[in-house]
Amino acid sequence: MKLKVTPLNFCTAGFLLLSAYIWITGGVRVTGGGIYTHLTNTIAWIFVLFAIVVSFLDLIFRNFFPKLKNVWIVELSFITLTAIIFLLIK
């Protein structure tokens, strides 16, 4: 199986790096303190779960679209749409 580099691979790596950073430095530095001081492991596990879901979604997109160019277009559109919805909700 050939290694295909896609945008969701970068997102998966980012989530895993963020969870490792949270485990190493603690949740206080990431969330700014407050009531989240004791939730370091929970926050890190949430980002690991995000990484697993995004990785699975990447596999689905790769199987659904055979051409790598189409996978890039669809995944970048998905990331953009997710960011827009996140900002609208926030």
PDB file of N, CA and C in Angstrom:
ATOM      1  N   MET A   1       0.840  -1.172   0.000  1.00  0.00           N
ATOM      2  CA  MET A   1       0.000   0.000   0.000  1.00  0.00           C
ATOM      3  C   MET A   1       0.889   1.242   0.000  1.00  0.00           C
ATOM      4  N   LYS A   2       0.605   2.161  -0.920  1.00  0.00           N
ATOM      5  CA  LYS A   2       1.393   3.376  -1.020  1.00  0.00           C
ATOM      6  C   LYS A   2       0.987   4.366   0.064  1.00  0.00           C
ATOM      7  N   LEU A   3       1.974   5.089   0.554  1.00  0.00           N
ATOM      8  CA  LEU A   3       1.716   6.115   1.546  1.00  0.00           C
ATOM      9  C   LEU A   3       1.215   7.359   0.838  1.00  0.00           C
ATOM     10  N   LYS A   4       0.007   7.775   1.152  1.00  0.00           N
ATOM     11  CA  LYS A   4      -0.565   8.981   0.570  1.00  0.00           C
ATOM     12  C   LYS A   4      -0.605  10.057   1.644  1.00  0.00           C
ATOM     13  N   VAL A   5      -0.022  11.194   1.351  1.00  0.00           N
ATOM     14  CA  VAL A   5      -0.041  12.323   2.277  1.00  0.00           C
ATOM     15  C   VAL A   5      -1.279  13.154   1.969  1.00  0.00           C
ATOM     16  N   THR A   6      -2.123  13.327   2.966  1.00  0.00           N
ATOM     17  CA  THR A   6      -3.358  14.076   2.803  1.00  0.00           C
ATOM     18  C   THR A   6      -3.492  15.093   3.935  1.00  0.00           C
ATOM     19  N   PRO A   7      -4.372  16.071   3.785  1.00  0.00           N
ATOM     20  CA  PRO A   7      -4.541  17.079   4.839  1.00  0.00           C
ATOM     21  C   PRO A   7      -5.009  16.501   6.175  1.00  0.00           C
ATOM     22  N   LEU A   8      -5.827  15.473   6.139  1.00  0.00           N
ATOM     23  CA  LEU A   8      -6.284  14.892   7.399  1.00  0.00           C
ATOM     24  C   LEU A   8      -5.171  14.129   8.104  1.00  0.00           C
ATOM     25  N   ASN A   9      -4.144  13.694   7.359  1.00  0.00           N
ATOM     26  CA  ASN A   9      -2.970  13.115   8.018  1.00  0.00           C
ATOM     27  C   ASN A   9      -2.272  14.167   8.869  1.00  0.00           C
ATOM     28  N   PHE A  10      -2.178  15.387   8.338  1.00  0.00           N
ATOM     29  CA  PHE A  10      -1.581  16.470   9.105  1.00  0.00           C
ATOM     30  C   PHE A  10      -2.418  16.806  10.340  1.00  0.00           C
ATOM     31  N   CYS A  11      -3.734  16.769  10.196  1.00  0.00           N
ATOM     32  CA  CYS A  11      -4.606  17.024  11.347  1.00  0.00           C
ATOM     33  C   CYS A  11      -4.447  15.937  12.410  1.00  0.00           C
ATOM     34  N   THR A  12      -4.354  14.696  11.985  1.00  0.00           N
ATOM     35  CA  THR A  12      -4.150  13.597  12.923  1.00  0.00           C
ATOM     36  C   THR A  12      -2.839  13.770  13.681  1.00  0.00           C
ATOM     37  N   ALA A  13      -1.785  14.099  12.958  1.00  0.00           N
ATOM     38  CA  ALA A  13      -0.493  14.325  13.608  1.00  0.00           C
ATOM     39  C   ALA A  13      -0.560  15.506  14.564  1.00  0.00           C
ATOM     40  N   GLY A  14      -1.270  16.545  14.182  1.00  0.00           N
ATOM     41  CA  GLY A  14      -1.427  17.700  15.058  1.00  0.00           C
ATOM     42  C   GLY A  14      -2.168  17.366  16.340  1.00  0.00           C
ATOM     43  N   PHE A  15      -3.240  16.583  16.225  1.00  0.00           N
ATOM     44  CA  PHE A  15      -3.985  16.176  17.422  1.00  0.00           C
ATOM     45  C   PHE A  15      -3.127  15.316  18.341  1.00  0.00           C
ATOM     46  N   LEU A  16      -2.348  14.407  17.754  1.00  0.00           N
ATOM     47  CA  LEU A  16      -1.483  13.569  18.587  1.00  0.00           C
ATOM     48  C   LEU A  16      -0.378  14.383  19.258  1.00  0.00           C
ATOM     49  N   LEU A  17       0.194  15.349  18.531  1.00  0.00           N
ATOM     50  CA  LEU A  17       1.199  16.225  19.140  1.00  0.00           C
ATOM     51  C   LEU A  17       0.595  17.087  20.245  1.00  0.00           C
ATOM     52  N   LEU A  18      -0.615  17.569  20.007  1.00  0.00           N
ATOM     53  CA  LEU A  18      -1.282  18.382  21.027  1.00  0.00           C
ATOM     54  C   LEU A  18      -1.596  17.572  22.275  1.00  0.00           C
ATOM     55  N   SER A  19      -2.022  16.331  22.102  1.00  0.00           N
ATOM     56  CA  SER A  19      -2.295  15.505  23.280  1.00  0.00           C
ATOM     57  C   SER A  19      -1.016  15.187  24.043  1.00  0.00           C
ATOM     58  N   ALA A  20       0.082  14.930  23.323  1.00  0.00           N
ATOM     59  CA  ALA A  20       1.355  14.692  24.002  1.00  0.00           C
ATOM     60  C   ALA A  20       1.822  15.943  24.734  1.00  0.00           C
ATOM     61  N   TYR A  21       1.636  17.102  24.120  1.00  0.00           N
ATOM     62  CA  TYR A  21       2.008  18.367  24.758  1.00  0.00           C
ATOM     63  C   TYR A  21       1.192  18.598  26.030  1.00  0.00           C
ATOM     64  N   ILE A  22      -0.084  18.272  25.980  1.00  0.00           N
ATOM     65  CA  ILE A  22      -0.936  18.437  27.163  1.00  0.00           C
ATOM     66  C   ILE A  22      -0.496  17.488  28.265  1.00  0.00           C
ATOM     67  N   TRP A  23      -0.161  16.239  27.912  1.00  0.00           N
ATOM     68  CA  TRP A  23       0.298  15.302  28.940  1.00  0.00           C
ATOM     69  C   TRP A  23       1.622  15.742  29.558  1.00  0.00           C
ATOM     70  N   ILE A  24       2.501  16.309  28.746  1.00  0.00           N
ATOM     71  CA  ILE A  24       3.814  16.704  29.257  1.00  0.00           C
ATOM     72  C   ILE A  24       3.725  17.969  30.096  1.00  0.00           C
ATOM     73  N   THR A  25       3.059  18.999  29.578  1.00  0.00           N
ATOM     74  CA  THR A  25       3.036  20.290  30.279  1.00  0.00           C
ATOM     75  C   THR A  25       1.869  20.441  31.237  1.00  0.00           C
ATOM     76  N   GLY A  26       0.820  19.676  31.048  1.00  0.00           N
ATOM     77  CA  GLY A  26      -0.354  19.783  31.910  1.00  0.00           C
ATOM     78  C   GLY A  26      -1.432  20.633  31.268  1.00  0.00           C
ATOM     79  N   GLY A  27      -2.634  20.451  31.741  1.00  0.00           N
ATOM     80  CA  GLY A  27      -3.781  21.151  31.178  1.00  0.00           C
ATOM     81  C   GLY A  27      -3.848  22.610  31.543  1.00  0.00           C
ATOM     82  N   VAL A  28      -3.125  23.022  32.574  1.00  0.00           N
ATOM     83  CA  VAL A  28      -3.188  24.410  33.025  1.00  0.00           C
ATOM     84  C   VAL A  28      -2.568  25.338  31.984  1.00  0.00           C
ATOM     85  N   ARG A  29      -1.453  24.954  31.396  1.00  0.00           N
ATOM     86  CA  ARG A  29      -0.788  25.812  30.405  1.00  0.00           C
ATOM     87  C   ARG A  29      -1.580  25.916  29.120  1.00  0.00           C
ATOM     88  N   VAL A  30      -2.328  24.891  28.781  1.00  0.00           N
ATOM     89  CA  VAL A  30      -3.076  24.900  27.531  1.00  0.00           C
ATOM     90  C   VAL A  30      -4.395  25.639  27.686  1.00  0.00           C
ATOM     91  N   THR A  31      -5.089  25.422  28.792  1.00  0.00           N
ATOM     92  CA  THR A  31      -6.413  26.014  28.978  1.00  0.00           C
ATOM     93  C   THR A  31      -6.378  27.348  29.712  1.00  0.00           C
ATOM     94  N   GLY A  32      -5.244  27.723  30.240  1.00  0.00           N
ATOM     95  CA  GLY A  32      -5.151  29.008  30.914  1.00  0.00           C
ATOM     96  C   GLY A  32      -5.474  28.943  32.390  1.00  0.00           C
ATOM     97  N   GLY A  33      -5.524  27.768  32.954  1.00  0.00           N
ATOM     98  CA  GLY A  33      -5.788  27.635  34.389  1.00  0.00           C
ATOM     99  C   GLY A  33      -7.268  27.556  34.684  1.00  0.00           C
ATOM    100  N   GLY A  34      -7.621  27.971  35.864  1.00  0.00           N
ATOM    101  CA  GLY A  34      -9.028  27.955  36.249  1.00  0.00           C
ATOM    102  C   GLY A  34      -9.474  26.595  36.739  1.00  0.00           C
ATOM    103  N   ILE A  35     -10.645  26.182  36.281  1.00  0.00           N
ATOM    104  CA  ILE A  35     -11.247  24.944  36.778  1.00  0.00           C
ATOM    105  C   ILE A  35     -10.702  23.701  36.095  1.00  0.00           C
ATOM    106  N   TYR A  36      -9.827  23.861  35.089  1.00  0.00           N
ATOM    107  CA  TYR A  36      -9.346  22.721  34.315  1.00  0.00           C
ATOM    108  C   TYR A  36      -8.033  22.151  34.824  1.00  0.00           C
ATOM    109  N   THR A  37      -7.609  22.494  36.019  1.00  0.00           N
ATOM    110  CA  THR A  37      -6.302  22.058  36.504  1.00  0.00           C
ATOM    111  C   THR A  37      -6.229  20.547  36.710  1.00  0.00           C
ATOM    112  N   HIS A  38      -7.319  19.914  37.041  1.00  0.00           N
ATOM    113  CA  HIS A  38      -7.311  18.481  37.309  1.00  0.00           C
ATOM    114  C   HIS A  38      -7.778  17.645  36.119  1.00  0.00           C
ATOM    115  N   LEU A  39      -8.024  18.266  34.971  1.00  0.00           N
ATOM    116  CA  LEU A  39      -8.542  17.547  33.803  1.00  0.00           C
ATOM    117  C   LEU A  39      -7.484  17.298  32.727  1.00  0.00           C
ATOM    118  N   THR A  40      -6.218  17.251  33.097  1.00  0.00           N
ATOM    119  CA  THR A  40      -5.145  17.089  32.112  1.00  0.00           C
ATOM    120  C   THR A  40      -5.305  15.797  31.324  1.00  0.00           C
ATOM    121  N   ASN A  41      -5.494  14.686  31.989  1.00  0.00           N
ATOM    122  CA  ASN A  41      -5.628  13.404  31.288  1.00  0.00           C
ATOM    123  C   ASN A  41      -6.882  13.353  30.434  1.00  0.00           C
ATOM    124  N   THR A  42      -7.958  13.915  30.915  1.00  0.00           N
ATOM    125  CA  THR A  42      -9.213  13.902  30.156  1.00  0.00           C
ATOM    126  C   THR A  42      -9.082  14.705  28.877  1.00  0.00           C
ATOM    127  N   ILE A  43      -8.488  15.886  28.976  1.00  0.00           N
ATOM    128  CA  ILE A  43      -8.308  16.723  27.790  1.00  0.00           C
ATOM    129  C   ILE A  43      -7.389  16.029  26.790  1.00  0.00           C
ATOM    130  N   ALA A  44      -6.321  15.410  27.263  1.00  0.00           N
ATOM    131  CA  ALA A  44      -5.399  14.712  26.365  1.00  0.00           C
ATOM    132  C   ALA A  44      -6.083  13.522  25.694  1.00  0.00           C
ATOM    133  N   TRP A  45      -6.888  12.778  26.429  1.00  0.00           N
ATOM    134  CA  TRP A  45      -7.597  11.638  25.826  1.00  0.00           C
ATOM    135  C   TRP A  45      -8.632  12.102  24.802  1.00  0.00           C
ATOM    136  N   ILE A  46      -9.222  13.262  25.011  1.00  0.00           N
ATOM    137  CA  ILE A  46     -10.168  13.794  24.026  1.00  0.00           C
ATOM    138  C   ILE A  46      -9.454  14.064  22.707  1.00  0.00           C
ATOM    139  N   PHE A  47      -8.233  14.624  22.773  1.00  0.00           N
ATOM    140  CA  PHE A  47      -7.490  14.871  21.536  1.00  0.00           C
ATOM    141  C   PHE A  47      -7.017  13.575  20.892  1.00  0.00           C
ATOM    142  N   VAL A  48      -6.724  12.555  21.667  1.00  0.00           N
ATOM    143  CA  VAL A  48      -6.405  11.245  21.091  1.00  0.00           C
ATOM    144  C   VAL A  48      -7.639  10.674  20.377  1.00  0.00           C
ATOM    145  N   LEU A  49      -8.802  10.841  20.976  1.00  0.00           N
ATOM    146  CA  LEU A  49     -10.044  10.397  20.332  1.00  0.00           C
ATOM    147  C   LEU A  49     -10.291  11.167  19.041  1.00  0.00           C
ATOM    148  N   PHE A  50     -10.057  12.493  19.044  1.00  0.00           N
ATOM    149  CA  PHE A  50     -10.167  13.276  17.818  1.00  0.00           C
ATOM    150  C   PHE A  50      -9.230  12.730  16.741  1.00  0.00           C
ATOM    151  N   ALA A  51      -8.014  12.374  17.124  1.00  0.00           N
ATOM    152  CA  ALA A  51      -7.039  11.850  16.169  1.00  0.00           C
ATOM    153  C   ALA A  51      -7.525  10.530  15.565  1.00  0.00           C
ATOM    154  N   ILE A  52      -8.107   9.680  16.379  1.00  0.00           N
ATOM    155  CA  ILE A  52      -8.621   8.402  15.884  1.00  0.00           C
ATOM    156  C   ILE A  52      -9.773   8.622  14.909  1.00  0.00           C
ATOM    157  N   VAL A  53     -10.673   9.520  15.248  1.00  0.00           N
ATOM    158  CA  VAL A  53     -11.824   9.801  14.378  1.00  0.00           C
ATOM    159  C   VAL A  53     -11.364  10.412  13.055  1.00  0.00           C
ATOM    160  N   VAL A  54     -10.441  11.356  13.110  1.00  0.00           N
ATOM    161  CA  VAL A  54      -9.949  11.992  11.888  1.00  0.00           C
ATOM    162  C   VAL A  54      -9.181  10.988  11.030  1.00  0.00           C
ATOM    163  N   SER A  55      -8.437  10.104  11.650  1.00  0.00           N
ATOM    164  CA  SER A  55      -7.727   9.066  10.910  1.00  0.00           C
ATOM    165  C   SER A  55      -8.709   8.126  10.204  1.00  0.00           C
ATOM    166  N   PHE A  56      -9.767   7.751  10.884  1.00  0.00           N
ATOM    167  CA  PHE A  56     -10.791   6.889  10.274  1.00  0.00           C
ATOM    168  C   PHE A  56     -11.490   7.617   9.130  1.00  0.00           C
ATOM    169  N   LEU A  57     -11.767   8.907   9.318  1.00  0.00           N
ATOM    170  CA  LEU A  57     -12.403   9.696   8.270  1.00  0.00           C
ATOM    171  C   LEU A  57     -11.486   9.821   7.050  1.00  0.00           C
ATOM    172  N   ASP A  58     -10.194   9.920   7.284  1.00  0.00           N
ATOM    173  CA  ASP A  58      -9.236   9.957   6.183  1.00  0.00           C
ATOM    174  C   ASP A  58      -9.274   8.663   5.381  1.00  0.00           C
ATOM    175  N   LEU A  59      -9.363   7.531   6.070  1.00  0.00           N
ATOM    176  CA  LEU A  59      -9.463   6.246   5.369  1.00  0.00           C
ATOM    177  C   LEU A  59     -10.741   6.159   4.539  1.00  0.00           C
ATOM    178  N   ILE A  60     -11.822   6.677   5.073  1.00  0.00           N
ATOM    179  CA  ILE A  60     -13.085   6.662   4.332  1.00  0.00           C
ATOM    180  C   ILE A  60     -12.975   7.505   3.069  1.00  0.00           C
ATOM    181  N   PHE A  61     -12.415   8.716   3.212  1.00  0.00           N
ATOM    182  CA  PHE A  61     -12.267   9.577   2.033  1.00  0.00           C
ATOM    183  C   PHE A  61     -11.328   8.961   0.999  1.00  0.00           C
ATOM    184  N   ARG A  62     -10.249   8.313   1.449  1.00  0.00           N
ATOM    185  CA  ARG A  62      -9.319   7.698   0.499  1.00  0.00           C
ATOM    186  C   ARG A  62      -9.953   6.544  -0.251  1.00  0.00           C
ATOM    187  N   ASN A  63     -10.824   5.804   0.398  1.00  0.00           N
ATOM    188  CA  ASN A  63     -11.488   4.692  -0.286  1.00  0.00           C
ATOM    189  C   ASN A  63     -12.601   5.180  -1.211  1.00  0.00           C
ATOM    190  N   PHE A  64     -13.217   6.295  -0.870  1.00  0.00           N
ATOM    191  CA  PHE A  64     -14.334   6.795  -1.666  1.00  0.00           C
ATOM    192  C   PHE A  64     -13.856   7.529  -2.915  1.00  0.00           C
ATOM    193  N   PHE A  65     -12.716   8.220  -2.814  1.00  0.00           N
ATOM    194  CA  PHE A  65     -12.166   8.965  -3.949  1.00  0.00           C
ATOM    195  C   PHE A  65     -10.818   8.356  -4.337  1.00  0.00           C
ATOM    196  N   PRO A  66     -10.741   7.721  -5.497  1.00  0.00           N
ATOM    197  CA  PRO A  66      -9.500   7.022  -5.864  1.00  0.00           C
ATOM    198  C   PRO A  66      -8.352   7.954  -6.243  1.00  0.00           C
ATOM    199  N   LYS A  67      -8.632   9.124  -6.809  1.00  0.00           N
ATOM    200  CA  LYS A  67      -7.565  10.028  -7.230  1.00  0.00           C
ATOM    201  C   LYS A  67      -7.119  10.886  -6.050  1.00  0.00           C
ATOM    202  N   LEU A  68      -5.808  11.045  -5.926  1.00  0.00           N
ATOM    203  CA  LEU A  68      -5.252  11.797  -4.802  1.00  0.00           C
ATOM    204  C   LEU A  68      -5.638  13.275  -4.872  1.00  0.00           C
ATOM    205  N   LYS A  69      -5.759  13.810  -6.072  1.00  0.00           N
ATOM    206  CA  LYS A  69      -6.158  15.218  -6.223  1.00  0.00           C
ATOM    207  C   LYS A  69      -7.566  15.436  -5.676  1.00  0.00           C
ATOM    208  N   ASN A  70      -8.476  14.509  -5.968  1.00  0.00           N
ATOM    209  CA  ASN A  70      -9.841  14.628  -5.459  1.00  0.00           C
ATOM    210  C   ASN A  70      -9.886  14.486  -3.943  1.00  0.00           C
ATOM    211  N   VAL A  71      -9.039  13.625  -3.403  1.00  0.00           N
ATOM    212  CA  VAL A  71      -8.981  13.456  -1.944  1.00  0.00           C
ATOM    213  C   VAL A  71      -8.536  14.760  -1.291  1.00  0.00           C
ATOM    214  N   TRP A  72      -7.530  15.410  -1.870  1.00  0.00           N
ATOM    215  CA  TRP A  72      -7.053  16.679  -1.320  1.00  0.00           C
ATOM    216  C   TRP A  72      -8.145  17.739  -1.361  1.00  0.00           C
ATOM    217  N   ILE A  73      -8.864  17.824  -2.473  1.00  0.00           N
ATOM    218  CA  ILE A  73      -9.930  18.828  -2.604  1.00  0.00           C
ATOM    219  C   ILE A  73     -11.028  18.573  -1.585  1.00  0.00           C
ATOM    220  N   VAL A  74     -11.454  17.324  -1.462  1.00  0.00           N
ATOM    221  CA  VAL A  74     -12.542  16.995  -0.535  1.00  0.00           C
ATOM    222  C   VAL A  74     -12.106  17.207   0.913  1.00  0.00           C
ATOM    223  N   GLU A  75     -10.898  16.794   1.260  1.00  0.00           N
ATOM    224  CA  GLU A  75     -10.446  16.930   2.646  1.00  0.00           C
ATOM    225  C   GLU A  75     -10.196  18.388   3.020  1.00  0.00           C
ATOM    226  N   LEU A  76      -9.653  19.177   2.106  1.00  0.00           N
ATOM    227  CA  LEU A  76      -9.491  20.602   2.397  1.00  0.00           C
ATOM    228  C   LEU A  76     -10.847  21.300   2.524  1.00  0.00           C
ATOM    229  N   SER A  77     -11.799  20.882   1.707  1.00  0.00           N
ATOM    230  CA  SER A  77     -13.153  21.431   1.832  1.00  0.00           C
ATOM    231  C   SER A  77     -13.787  21.038   3.163  1.00  0.00           C
ATOM    232  N   PHE A  78     -13.555  19.803   3.579  1.00  0.00           N
ATOM    233  CA  PHE A  78     -14.083  19.341   4.860  1.00  0.00           C
ATOM    234  C   PHE A  78     -13.473  20.124   6.026  1.00  0.00           C
ATOM    235  N   ILE A  79     -12.161  20.342   5.980  1.00  0.00           N
ATOM    236  CA  ILE A  79     -11.491  21.085   7.045  1.00  0.00           C
ATOM    237  C   ILE A  79     -11.987  22.526   7.075  1.00  0.00           C
ATOM    238  N   THR A  80     -12.154  23.136   5.903  1.00  0.00           N
ATOM    239  CA  THR A  80     -12.650  24.507   5.840  1.00  0.00           C
ATOM    240  C   THR A  80     -14.074  24.597   6.387  1.00  0.00           C
ATOM    241  N   LEU A  81     -14.921  23.672   5.984  1.00  0.00           N
ATOM    242  CA  LEU A  81     -16.304  23.671   6.464  1.00  0.00           C
ATOM    243  C   LEU A  81     -16.368  23.458   7.974  1.00  0.00           C
ATOM    244  N   THR A  82     -15.541  22.567   8.484  1.00  0.00           N
ATOM    245  CA  THR A  82     -15.506  22.333   9.926  1.00  0.00           C
ATOM    246  C   THR A  82     -15.037  23.571  10.671  1.00  0.00           C
ATOM    247  N   ALA A  83     -14.030  24.259  10.148  1.00  0.00           N
ATOM    248  CA  ALA A  83     -13.538  25.481  10.791  1.00  0.00           C
ATOM    249  C   ALA A  83     -14.589  26.584  10.773  1.00  0.00           C
ATOM    250  N   ILE A  84     -15.317  26.721   9.654  1.00  0.00           N
ATOM    251  CA  ILE A  84     -16.369  27.730   9.569  1.00  0.00           C
ATOM    252  C   ILE A  84     -17.483  27.436  10.562  1.00  0.00           C
ATOM    253  N   ILE A  85     -17.907  26.182  10.646  1.00  0.00           N
ATOM    254  CA  ILE A  85     -18.966  25.824  11.595  1.00  0.00           C
ATOM    255  C   ILE A  85     -18.495  26.056  13.025  1.00  0.00           C
ATOM    256  N   PHE A  86     -17.223  25.717  13.325  1.00  0.00           N
ATOM    257  CA  PHE A  86     -16.673  25.951  14.655  1.00  0.00           C
ATOM    258  C   PHE A  86     -16.701  27.439  14.999  1.00  0.00           C
ATOM    259  N   LEU A  87     -16.290  28.284  14.056  1.00  0.00           N
ATOM    260  CA  LEU A  87     -16.272  29.710  14.324  1.00  0.00           C
ATOM    261  C   LEU A  87     -17.681  30.303  14.434  1.00  0.00           C
ATOM    262  N   LEU A  88     -18.633  29.757  13.680  1.00  0.00           N
ATOM    263  CA  LEU A  88     -20.013  30.244  13.795  1.00  0.00           C
ATOM    264  C   LEU A  88     -20.623  29.861  15.139  1.00  0.00           C
ATOM    265  N   ILE A  89     -20.315  28.675  15.617  1.00  0.00           N
ATOM    266  CA  ILE A  89     -20.844  28.241  16.915  1.00  0.00           C
ATOM    267  C   ILE A  89     -20.181  29.005  18.052  1.00  0.00           C
ATOM    268  N   LYS A  90     -18.898  29.258  17.906  1.00  0.00           N
ATOM    269  CA  LYS A  90     -18.171  29.969  18.950  1.00  0.00           C
ATOM    270  C   LYS A  90     -18.673  31.388  19.058  1.00  0.00           C
TER     271      LYS A  90
END
